[in-house]
Amino acid sequence: MAPSPYQECRDELFQQIMQCGVIGCHPVDQKDWFDATMVYFAGRFPELKPTELAELRTLGERFAQPAKKQTQEAAAV
């Protein structure tokens, strides 16, 4: 079964985040990158609704955040 446009866009977004070095970039640079990338994806996947693109951006922004370190208290729970 072929992936849906949403799944295809999500996978491509995550791949681009990893390849373009977005993880760990300055927040302003990340915002600029996401602004431009989401415009690109809106044209590449015209079947996606604005709400789906917004959801994908949120997922991508979360994915691009550095891993949070666990505190010893949280790790013990």
PDB file of N, CA and C in Angstrom:
ATOM      1  N   MET A   1       0.848  -1.189   0.000  1.00  0.00           N
ATOM      2  CA  MET A   1       0.000   0.000   0.000  1.00  0.00           C
ATOM      3  C   MET A   1       0.889   1.246   0.000  1.00  0.00           C
ATOM      4  N   ALA A   2       0.593   2.155  -0.862  1.00  0.00           N
ATOM      5  CA  ALA A   2       1.386   3.380  -0.995  1.00  0.00           C
ATOM      6  C   ALA A   2       1.093   4.317   0.179  1.00  0.00           C
ATOM      7  N   PRO A   3       2.107   5.070   0.622  1.00  0.00           N
ATOM      8  CA  PRO A   3       1.871   6.022   1.717  1.00  0.00           C
ATOM      9  C   PRO A   3       0.954   7.157   1.261  1.00  0.00           C
ATOM     10  N   SER A   4       0.210   7.693   2.210  1.00  0.00           N
ATOM     11  CA  SER A   4      -0.654   8.831   1.912  1.00  0.00           C
ATOM     12  C   SER A   4       0.214  10.065   1.691  1.00  0.00           C
ATOM     13  N   PRO A   5      -0.332  11.106   1.059  1.00  0.00           N
ATOM     14  CA  PRO A   5       0.450  12.338   0.894  1.00  0.00           C
ATOM     15  C   PRO A   5       0.936  12.890   2.239  1.00  0.00           C
ATOM     16  N   TYR A   6       0.112  12.768   3.278  1.00  0.00           N
ATOM     17  CA  TYR A   6       0.503  13.239   4.607  1.00  0.00           C
ATOM     18  C   TYR A   6       1.724  12.459   5.109  1.00  0.00           C
ATOM     19  N   GLN A   7       1.681  11.143   4.985  1.00  0.00           N
ATOM     20  CA  GLN A   7       2.794  10.310   5.437  1.00  0.00           C
ATOM     21  C   GLN A   7       4.058  10.585   4.618  1.00  0.00           C
ATOM     22  N   GLU A   8       3.880  10.744   3.333  1.00  0.00           N
ATOM     23  CA  GLU A   8       5.018  11.022   2.457  1.00  0.00           C
ATOM     24  C   GLU A   8       5.656  12.366   2.804  1.00  0.00           C
ATOM     25  N   CYS A   9       4.831  13.367   3.038  1.00  0.00           N
ATOM     26  CA  CYS A   9       5.326  14.693   3.400  1.00  0.00           C
ATOM     27  C   CYS A   9       6.031  14.647   4.755  1.00  0.00           C
ATOM     28  N   ARG A  10       5.443  13.952   5.711  1.00  0.00           N
ATOM     29  CA  ARG A  10       6.050  13.817   7.044  1.00  0.00           C
ATOM     30  C   ARG A  10       7.430  13.173   6.950  1.00  0.00           C
ATOM     31  N   ASP A  11       7.513  12.079   6.207  1.00  0.00           N
ATOM     32  CA  ASP A  11       8.786  11.374   6.080  1.00  0.00           C
ATOM     33  C   ASP A  11       9.837  12.241   5.393  1.00  0.00           C
ATOM     34  N   GLU A  12       9.411  12.942   4.355  1.00  0.00           N
ATOM     35  CA  GLU A  12      10.338  13.823   3.638  1.00  0.00           C
ATOM     36  C   GLU A  12      10.779  14.985   4.531  1.00  0.00           C
ATOM     37  N   LEU A  13       9.862  15.516   5.326  1.00  0.00           N
ATOM     38  CA  LEU A  13      10.202  16.603   6.239  1.00  0.00           C
ATOM     39  C   LEU A  13      11.252  16.150   7.244  1.00  0.00           C
ATOM     40  N   PHE A  14      11.040  14.984   7.866  1.00  0.00           N
ATOM     41  CA  PHE A  14      12.010  14.491   8.842  1.00  0.00           C
ATOM     42  C   PHE A  14      13.366  14.228   8.191  1.00  0.00           C
ATOM     43  N   GLN A  15      13.346  13.699   6.986  1.00  0.00           N
ATOM     44  CA  GLN A  15      14.595  13.447   6.268  1.00  0.00           C
ATOM     45  C   GLN A  15      15.325  14.759   5.990  1.00  0.00           C
ATOM     46  N   GLN A  16      14.594  15.772   5.564  1.00  0.00           N
ATOM     47  CA  GLN A  16      15.213  17.068   5.280  1.00  0.00           C
ATOM     48  C   GLN A  16      15.763  17.726   6.553  1.00  0.00           C
ATOM     49  N   ILE A  17      15.048  17.563   7.661  1.00  0.00           N
ATOM     50  CA  ILE A  17      15.533  18.113   8.932  1.00  0.00           C
ATOM     51  C   ILE A  17      16.894  17.506   9.267  1.00  0.00           C
ATOM     52  N   MET A  18      17.022  16.204   9.096  1.00  0.00           N
ATOM     53  CA  MET A  18      18.289  15.532   9.406  1.00  0.00           C
ATOM     54  C   MET A  18      19.390  15.914   8.413  1.00  0.00           C
ATOM     55  N   GLN A  19      19.059  15.982   7.139  1.00  0.00           N
ATOM     56  CA  GLN A  19      20.059  16.269   6.115  1.00  0.00           C
ATOM     57  C   GLN A  19      20.511  17.723   6.111  1.00  0.00           C
ATOM     58  N   CYS A  20      19.632  18.635   6.475  1.00  0.00           N
ATOM     59  CA  CYS A  20      19.953  20.063   6.392  1.00  0.00           C
ATOM     60  C   CYS A  20      20.560  20.619   7.676  1.00  0.00           C
ATOM     61  N   GLY A  21      20.721  19.793   8.689  1.00  0.00           N
ATOM     62  CA  GLY A  21      21.350  20.263   9.913  1.00  0.00           C
ATOM     63  C   GLY A  21      20.487  21.220  10.716  1.00  0.00           C
ATOM     64  N   VAL A  22      19.187  21.045  10.682  1.00  0.00           N
ATOM     65  CA  VAL A  22      18.279  21.941  11.388  1.00  0.00           C
ATOM     66  C   VAL A  22      18.356  21.722  12.904  1.00  0.00           C
ATOM     67  N   ILE A  23      18.603  20.474  13.301  1.00  0.00           N
ATOM     68  CA  ILE A  23      18.686  20.157  14.727  1.00  0.00           C
ATOM     69  C   ILE A  23      19.868  20.896  15.332  1.00  0.00           C
ATOM     70  N   GLY A  24      19.590  21.656  16.371  1.00  0.00           N
ATOM     71  CA  GLY A  24      20.647  22.388  17.060  1.00  0.00           C
ATOM     72  C   GLY A  24      20.918  23.777  16.502  1.00  0.00           C
ATOM     73  N   CYS A  25      20.224  24.171  15.446  1.00  0.00           N
ATOM     74  CA  CYS A  25      20.403  25.516  14.884  1.00  0.00           C
ATOM     75  C   CYS A  25      19.787  26.562  15.812  1.00  0.00           C
ATOM     76  N   HIS A  26      20.190  27.794  15.617  1.00  0.00           N
ATOM     77  CA  HIS A  26      19.610  28.917  16.359  1.00  0.00           C
ATOM     78  C   HIS A  26      18.112  28.964  16.054  1.00  0.00           C
ATOM     79  N   PRO A  27      17.267  29.272  17.052  1.00  0.00           N
ATOM     80  CA  PRO A  27      15.812  29.289  16.843  1.00  0.00           C
ATOM     81  C   PRO A  27      15.351  30.179  15.679  1.00  0.00           C
ATOM     82  N   VAL A  28      16.001  31.308  15.472  1.00  0.00           N
ATOM     83  CA  VAL A  28      15.610  32.180  14.353  1.00  0.00           C
ATOM     84  C   VAL A  28      15.906  31.492  13.021  1.00  0.00           C
ATOM     85  N   ASP A  29      17.049  30.818  12.938  1.00  0.00           N
ATOM     86  CA  ASP A  29      17.385  30.088  11.717  1.00  0.00           C
ATOM     87  C   ASP A  29      16.423  28.933  11.483  1.00  0.00           C
ATOM     88  N   GLN A  30      16.031  28.247  12.568  1.00  0.00           N
ATOM     89  CA  GLN A  30      15.053  27.160  12.433  1.00  0.00           C
ATOM     90  C   GLN A  30      13.719  27.698  11.923  1.00  0.00           C
ATOM     91  N   LYS A  31      13.274  28.821  12.477  1.00  0.00           N
ATOM     92  CA  LYS A  31      12.006  29.414  12.046  1.00  0.00           C
ATOM     93  C   LYS A  31      12.050  29.751  10.564  1.00  0.00           C
ATOM     94  N   ASP A  32      13.144  30.386  10.132  1.00  0.00           N
ATOM     95  CA  ASP A  32      13.290  30.734   8.715  1.00  0.00           C
ATOM     96  C   ASP A  32      13.273  29.481   7.841  1.00  0.00           C
ATOM     97  N   TRP A  33      13.974  28.448   8.283  1.00  0.00           N
ATOM     98  CA  TRP A  33      14.033  27.203   7.527  1.00  0.00           C
ATOM     99  C   TRP A  33      12.642  26.584   7.420  1.00  0.00           C
ATOM    100  N   PHE A  34      11.923  26.522   8.547  1.00  0.00           N
ATOM    101  CA  PHE A  34      10.579  25.947   8.523  1.00  0.00           C
ATOM    102  C   PHE A  34       9.628  26.785   7.682  1.00  0.00           C
ATOM    103  N   ASP A  35       9.735  28.109   7.754  1.00  0.00           N
ATOM    104  CA  ASP A  35       8.883  28.970   6.923  1.00  0.00           C
ATOM    105  C   ASP A  35       9.054  28.617   5.446  1.00  0.00           C
ATOM    106  N   ALA A  36      10.296  28.563   4.997  1.00  0.00           N
ATOM    107  CA  ALA A  36      10.579  28.287   3.584  1.00  0.00           C
ATOM    108  C   ALA A  36      10.211  26.850   3.218  1.00  0.00           C
ATOM    109  N   THR A  37      10.501  25.920   4.083  1.00  0.00           N
ATOM    110  CA  THR A  37      10.237  24.509   3.795  1.00  0.00           C
ATOM    111  C   THR A  37       8.745  24.217   3.716  1.00  0.00           C
ATOM    112  N   MET A  38       7.966  24.828   4.581  1.00  0.00           N
ATOM    113  CA  MET A  38       6.534  24.570   4.549  1.00  0.00           C
ATOM    114  C   MET A  38       5.880  25.185   3.317  1.00  0.00           C
ATOM    115  N   VAL A  39       6.401  26.296   2.840  1.00  0.00           N
ATOM    116  CA  VAL A  39       5.917  26.865   1.574  1.00  0.00           C
ATOM    117  C   VAL A  39       6.208  25.873   0.439  1.00  0.00           C
ATOM    118  N   TYR A  40       7.409  25.308   0.457  1.00  0.00           N
ATOM    119  CA  TYR A  40       7.788  24.309  -0.547  1.00  0.00           C
ATOM    120  C   TYR A  40       6.843  23.099  -0.489  1.00  0.00           C
ATOM    121  N   PHE A  41       6.604  22.593   0.731  1.00  0.00           N
ATOM    122  CA  PHE A  41       5.740  21.417   0.869  1.00  0.00           C
ATOM    123  C   PHE A  41       4.291  21.720   0.488  1.00  0.00           C
ATOM    124  N   ALA A  42       3.827  22.926   0.720  1.00  0.00           N
ATOM    125  CA  ALA A  42       2.467  23.297   0.316  1.00  0.00           C
ATOM    126  C   ALA A  42       2.330  23.187  -1.205  1.00  0.00           C
ATOM    127  N   GLY A  43       3.368  23.560  -1.937  1.00  0.00           N
ATOM    128  CA  GLY A  43       3.340  23.427  -3.388  1.00  0.00           C
ATOM    129  C   GLY A  43       3.567  22.000  -3.857  1.00  0.00           C
ATOM    130  N   ARG A  44       4.406  21.272  -3.146  1.00  0.00           N
ATOM    131  CA  ARG A  44       4.723  19.885  -3.525  1.00  0.00           C
ATOM    132  C   ARG A  44       3.568  18.933  -3.224  1.00  0.00           C
ATOM    133  N   PHE A  45       2.822  19.219  -2.158  1.00  0.00           N
ATOM    134  CA  PHE A  45       1.701  18.375  -1.749  1.00  0.00           C
ATOM    135  C   PHE A  45       0.418  19.217  -1.684  1.00  0.00           C
ATOM    136  N   PRO A  46      -0.112  19.644  -2.835  1.00  0.00           N
ATOM    137  CA  PRO A  46      -1.285  20.530  -2.837  1.00  0.00           C
ATOM    138  C   PRO A  46      -2.536  19.875  -2.248  1.00  0.00           C
ATOM    139  N   GLU A  47      -2.540  18.552  -2.152  1.00  0.00           N
ATOM    140  CA  GLU A  47      -3.706  17.873  -1.599  1.00  0.00           C
ATOM    141  C   GLU A  47      -3.795  17.986  -0.072  1.00  0.00           C
ATOM    142  N   LEU A  48      -2.717  18.442   0.579  1.00  0.00           N
ATOM    143  CA  LEU A  48      -2.747  18.607   2.034  1.00  0.00           C
ATOM    144  C   LEU A  48      -3.453  19.905   2.405  1.00  0.00           C
ATOM    145  N   LYS A  49      -4.270  19.814   3.440  1.00  0.00           N
ATOM    146  CA  LYS A  49      -4.994  20.983   3.947  1.00  0.00           C
ATOM    147  C   LYS A  49      -4.058  21.844   4.785  1.00  0.00           C
ATOM    148  N   PRO A  50      -4.350  23.133   4.901  1.00  0.00           N
ATOM    149  CA  PRO A  50      -3.525  24.002   5.749  1.00  0.00           C
ATOM    150  C   PRO A  50      -3.377  23.471   7.180  1.00  0.00           C
ATOM    151  N   THR A  51      -4.420  22.858   7.706  1.00  0.00           N
ATOM    152  CA  THR A  51      -4.323  22.306   9.064  1.00  0.00           C
ATOM    153  C   THR A  51      -3.345  21.137   9.126  1.00  0.00           C
ATOM    154  N   GLU A  52      -3.300  20.343   8.072  1.00  0.00           N
ATOM    155  CA  GLU A  52      -2.351  19.221   8.030  1.00  0.00           C
ATOM    156  C   GLU A  52      -0.918  19.739   7.919  1.00  0.00           C
ATOM    157  N   LEU A  53      -0.714  20.772   7.114  1.00  0.00           N
ATOM    158  CA  LEU A  53       0.619  21.355   7.002  1.00  0.00           C
ATOM    159  C   LEU A  53       1.063  21.971   8.325  1.00  0.00           C
ATOM    160  N   ALA A  54       0.137  22.605   9.028  1.00  0.00           N
ATOM    161  CA  ALA A  54       0.461  23.183  10.330  1.00  0.00           C
ATOM    162  C   ALA A  54       0.827  22.080  11.324  1.00  0.00           C
ATOM    163  N   GLU A  55       0.094  20.976  11.274  1.00  0.00           N
ATOM    164  CA  GLU A  55       0.391  19.844  12.155  1.00  0.00           C
ATOM    165  C   GLU A  55       1.767  19.262  11.844  1.00  0.00           C
ATOM    166  N   LEU A  56       2.080  19.136  10.561  1.00  0.00           N
ATOM    167  CA  LEU A  56       3.391  18.627  10.164  1.00  0.00           C
ATOM    168  C   LEU A  56       4.506  19.560  10.618  1.00  0.00           C
ATOM    169  N   ARG A  57       4.271  20.857  10.541  1.00  0.00           N
ATOM    170  CA  ARG A  57       5.278  21.811  11.004  1.00  0.00           C
ATOM    171  C   ARG A  57       5.525  21.626  12.506  1.00  0.00           C
ATOM    172  N   THR A  58       4.452  21.471  13.262  1.00  0.00           N
ATOM    173  CA  THR A  58       4.590  21.252  14.706  1.00  0.00           C
ATOM    174  C   THR A  58       5.392  19.983  14.976  1.00  0.00           C
ATOM    175  N   LEU A  59       5.077  18.912  14.268  1.00  0.00           N
ATOM    176  CA  LEU A  59       5.836  17.671  14.432  1.00  0.00           C
ATOM    177  C   LEU A  59       7.303  17.878  14.078  1.00  0.00           C
ATOM    178  N   GLY A  60       7.547  18.586  12.991  1.00  0.00           N
ATOM    179  CA  GLY A  60       8.918  18.851  12.571  1.00  0.00           C
ATOM    180  C   GLY A  60       9.684  19.703  13.572  1.00  0.00           C
ATOM    181  N   GLU A  61       9.025  20.718  14.112  1.00  0.00           N
ATOM    182  CA  GLU A  61       9.678  21.581  15.097  1.00  0.00           C
ATOM    183  C   GLU A  61      10.018  20.794  16.359  1.00  0.00           C
ATOM    184  N   ARG A  62       9.139  19.905  16.764  1.00  0.00           N
ATOM    185  CA  ARG A  62       9.429  19.054  17.924  1.00  0.00           C
ATOM    186  C   ARG A  62      10.582  18.103  17.621  1.00  0.00           C
ATOM    187  N   PHE A  63      10.569  17.545  16.424  1.00  0.00           N
ATOM    188  CA  PHE A  63      11.620  16.618  16.006  1.00  0.00           C
ATOM    189  C   PHE A  63      12.982  17.310  15.977  1.00  0.00           C
ATOM    190  N   ALA A  64      13.004  18.581  15.646  1.00  0.00           N
ATOM    191  CA  ALA A  64      14.262  19.326  15.504  1.00  0.00           C
ATOM    192  C   ALA A  64      14.829  19.805  16.836  1.00  0.00           C
ATOM    193  N   GLN A  65      14.080  19.635  17.924  1.00  0.00           N
ATOM    194  CA  GLN A  65      14.575  20.066  19.223  1.00  0.00           C
ATOM    195  C   GLN A  65      15.613  19.072  19.731  1.00  0.00           C
ATOM    196  N   PRO A  66      16.639  19.584  20.413  1.00  0.00           N
ATOM    197  CA  PRO A  66      17.625  18.654  20.979  1.00  0.00           C
ATOM    198  C   PRO A  66      16.965  17.765  22.035  1.00  0.00           C
ATOM    199  N   ALA A  67      17.515  16.601  22.221  1.00  0.00           N
ATOM    200  CA  ALA A  67      16.978  15.675  23.223  1.00  0.00           C
ATOM    201  C   ALA A  67      17.085  16.296  24.610  1.00  0.00           C
ATOM    202  N   LYS A  68      16.048  16.081  25.393  1.00  0.00           N
ATOM    203  CA  LYS A  68      16.056  16.595  26.761  1.00  0.00           C
ATOM    204  C   LYS A  68      16.790  15.607  27.649  1.00  0.00           C
ATOM    205  N   LYS A  69      17.610  16.140  28.525  1.00  0.00           N
ATOM    206  CA  LYS A  69      18.340  15.288  29.459  1.00  0.00           C
ATOM    207  C   LYS A  69      17.445  14.986  30.652  1.00  0.00           C
ATOM    208  N   GLN A  70      17.487  13.748  31.085  1.00  0.00           N
ATOM    209  CA  GLN A  70      16.712  13.352  32.245  1.00  0.00           C
ATOM    210  C   GLN A  70      17.446  13.753  33.517  1.00  0.00           C
ATOM    211  N   THR A  71      16.696  14.203  34.485  1.00  0.00           N
ATOM    212  CA  THR A  71      17.286  14.455  35.789  1.00  0.00           C
ATOM    213  C   THR A  71      17.353  13.121  36.512  1.00  0.00           C
ATOM    214  N   GLN A  72      18.162  13.043  37.538  1.00  0.00           N
ATOM    215  CA  GLN A  72      18.283  11.780  38.283  1.00  0.00           C
ATOM    216  C   GLN A  72      16.960  11.404  38.922  1.00  0.00           C
ATOM    217  N   GLU A  73      16.191  12.392  39.400  1.00  0.00           N
ATOM    218  CA  GLU A  73      14.903  12.106  40.016  1.00  0.00           C
ATOM    219  C   GLU A  73      13.940  11.487  39.000  1.00  0.00           C
ATOM    220  N   ALA A  74      13.891  12.060  37.813  1.00  0.00           N
ATOM    221  CA  ALA A  74      12.979  11.551  36.780  1.00  0.00           C
ATOM    222  C   ALA A  74      13.401  10.155  36.328  1.00  0.00           C
ATOM    223  N   ALA A  75      14.699   9.910  36.264  1.00  0.00           N
ATOM    224  CA  ALA A  75      15.187   8.614  35.840  1.00  0.00           C
ATOM    225  C   ALA A  75      14.887   7.540  36.884  1.00  0.00           C
ATOM    226  N   ALA A  76      14.820   7.911  38.161  1.00  0.00           N
ATOM    227  CA  ALA A  76      14.570   6.962  39.240  1.00  0.00           C
ATOM    228  C   ALA A  76      13.109   6.559  39.333  1.00  0.00           C
ATOM    229  N   VAL A  77      12.212   7.339  38.758  1.00  0.00           N
ATOM    230  CA  VAL A  77      10.773   7.057  38.857  1.00  0.00           C
ATOM    231  C   VAL A  77      10.373   5.935  37.956  1.00  0.00           C
TER     232      VAL A  77
END
